[in-house]
C-alpha atoms as a PDB file:
ATOM      1  CA  MET A   1     -14.192 -33.823  -0.431  1.00  0.00           C
ATOM      2  CA  ALA A   2     -11.617 -35.972  -2.340  1.00  0.00           C
ATOM      3  CA  ILE A   3      -8.495 -36.465  -1.184  1.00  0.00           C
ATOM      4  CA  THR A   4      -6.014 -36.193  -4.255  1.00  0.00           C
ATOM      5  CA  ASN A   5      -2.348 -36.934  -3.791  1.00  0.00           C
ATOM      6  CA  PRO A   6       0.538 -34.107  -3.768  1.00  0.00           C
ATOM      7  CA  PHE A   7       1.654 -34.501  -7.017  1.00  0.00           C
ATOM      8  CA  GLN A   8      -2.052 -33.902  -8.002  1.00  0.00           C
ATOM      9  CA  PHE A   9      -2.195 -30.912  -6.055  1.00  0.00           C
ATOM     10  CA  LEU A  10       0.892 -29.130  -7.190  1.00  0.00           C
ATOM     11  CA  GLN A  11      -0.610 -29.888 -10.573  1.00  0.00           C
ATOM     12  CA  GLN A  12      -3.874 -27.678  -9.888  1.00  0.00           C
ATOM     13  CA  VAL A  13      -1.726 -25.308  -8.077  1.00  0.00           C
ATOM     14  CA  ARG A  14       0.228 -24.701 -10.969  1.00  0.00           C
ATOM     15  CA  ALA A  15      -2.535 -24.229 -13.525  1.00  0.00           C
ATOM     16  CA  GLU A  16      -3.962 -22.015 -11.168  1.00  0.00           C
ATOM     17  CA  VAL A  17      -1.449 -19.646 -11.015  1.00  0.00           C
ATOM     18  CA  SER A  18      -0.466 -19.800 -14.404  1.00  0.00           C
ATOM     19  CA  LYS A  19      -3.962 -17.832 -14.683  1.00  0.00           C
ATOM     20  CA  VAL A  20      -2.932 -15.518 -12.667  1.00  0.00           C
ATOM     21  CA  VAL A  21      -2.900 -11.747 -14.670  1.00  0.00           C
ATOM     22  CA  TRP A  22       0.046 -10.154 -12.653  1.00  0.00           C
ATOM     23  CA  PRO A  23       0.044  -6.704 -13.334  1.00  0.00           C
ATOM     24  CA  THR A  24       2.874  -4.209 -14.345  1.00  0.00           C
ATOM     25  CA  ARG A  25       5.182  -1.981 -12.617  1.00  0.00           C
ATOM     26  CA  ARG A  26       3.615   0.715 -14.026  1.00  0.00           C
ATOM     27  CA  GLU A  27      -0.278  -0.233 -12.513  1.00  0.00           C
ATOM     28  CA  VAL A  28       1.536  -0.845  -9.403  1.00  0.00           C
ATOM     29  CA  MET A  29       2.787   2.519  -9.029  1.00  0.00           C
ATOM     30  CA  LEU A  30      -0.334   4.421 -10.068  1.00  0.00           C
ATOM     31  CA  THR A  31      -2.302   2.549  -7.799  1.00  0.00           C
ATOM     32  CA  THR A  32       0.122   2.657  -4.724  1.00  0.00           C
ATOM     33  CA  VAL A  33       0.058   6.417  -5.319  1.00  0.00           C
ATOM     34  CA  MET A  34      -3.886   6.418  -5.976  1.00  0.00           C
ATOM     35  CA  VAL A  35      -3.379   4.939  -2.496  1.00  0.00           C
ATOM     36  CA  PHE A  36      -1.518   7.375  -1.090  1.00  0.00           C
ATOM     37  CA  ILE A  37      -3.353  10.264  -2.319  1.00  0.00           C
ATOM     38  CA  LEU A  38      -6.737   9.176  -1.380  1.00  0.00           C
ATOM     39  CA  ALA A  39      -5.371   8.167   2.307  1.00  0.00           C
ATOM     40  CA  ALA A  40      -3.914  11.752   2.114  1.00  0.00           C
ATOM     41  CA  LEU A  41      -7.638  13.167   1.596  1.00  0.00           C
ATOM     42  CA  THR A  42      -9.791  11.016   3.740  1.00  0.00           C
ATOM     43  CA  ALA A  43      -6.891  12.462   6.751  1.00  0.00           C
ATOM     44  CA  VAL A  44      -7.703  15.775   5.615  1.00  0.00           C
ATOM     45  CA  PHE A  45     -11.428  15.404   5.940  1.00  0.00           C
ATOM     46  CA  PHE A  46     -11.563  13.798   8.879  1.00  0.00           C
ATOM     47  CA  ALA A  47      -9.105  16.676  10.059  1.00  0.00           C
ATOM     48  CA  ILE A  48     -11.719  19.286   8.977  1.00  0.00           C
ATOM     49  CA  VAL A  49     -14.836  17.477  10.323  1.00  0.00           C
ATOM     50  CA  ASP A  50     -12.765  16.780  13.855  1.00  0.00           C
ATOM     51  CA  ILE A  51     -12.024  20.709  14.007  1.00  0.00           C
ATOM     52  CA  LEU A  52     -15.553  21.564  13.105  1.00  0.00           C
ATOM     53  CA  ILE A  53     -17.071  19.007  16.009  1.00  0.00           C
ATOM     54  CA  ARG A  54     -14.519  19.939  18.379  1.00  0.00           C
ATOM     55  CA  GLY A  55     -15.724  24.314  17.498  1.00  0.00           C
ATOM     56  CA  GLY A  56     -18.927  23.216  18.256  1.00  0.00           C
ATOM     57  CA  LEU A  57     -19.106  21.555  21.240  1.00  0.00           C
ATOM     58  CA  ASN A  58     -16.747  24.054  22.913  1.00  0.00           C
ATOM     59  CA  GLN A  59     -19.168  26.936  21.511  1.00  0.00           C
ATOM     60  CA  ILE A  60     -21.949  24.774  23.445  1.00  0.00           C
ATOM     61  CA  LEU A  61     -19.877  24.138  26.376  1.00  0.00           C
ATOM     62  CA  SER A  62     -19.075  28.042  27.103  1.00  0.00           C
ATOM     63  CA  THR A  63     -22.334  28.662  26.121  1.00  0.00           C
ATOM     64  CA  PHE A  64     -23.714  26.754  29.224  1.00  0.00           C
ATOM     65  CA  GLY A  65     -20.901  26.716  31.097  1.00  0.00           C
END
């Protein structure tokens, strides 16, 4: 691996950072809201699955216990 001097490294870093397409404030807000909505839906889904599994296990244990 070739060793570059610090000045050349900083130039390369600046060139790469200038290629980055930064999201707009609206895009950031929209994706943040989507993450919260999907996290809430996932929590509800797993809560329902947990309730169903718990109810099924209680039914099985009460039948055999």
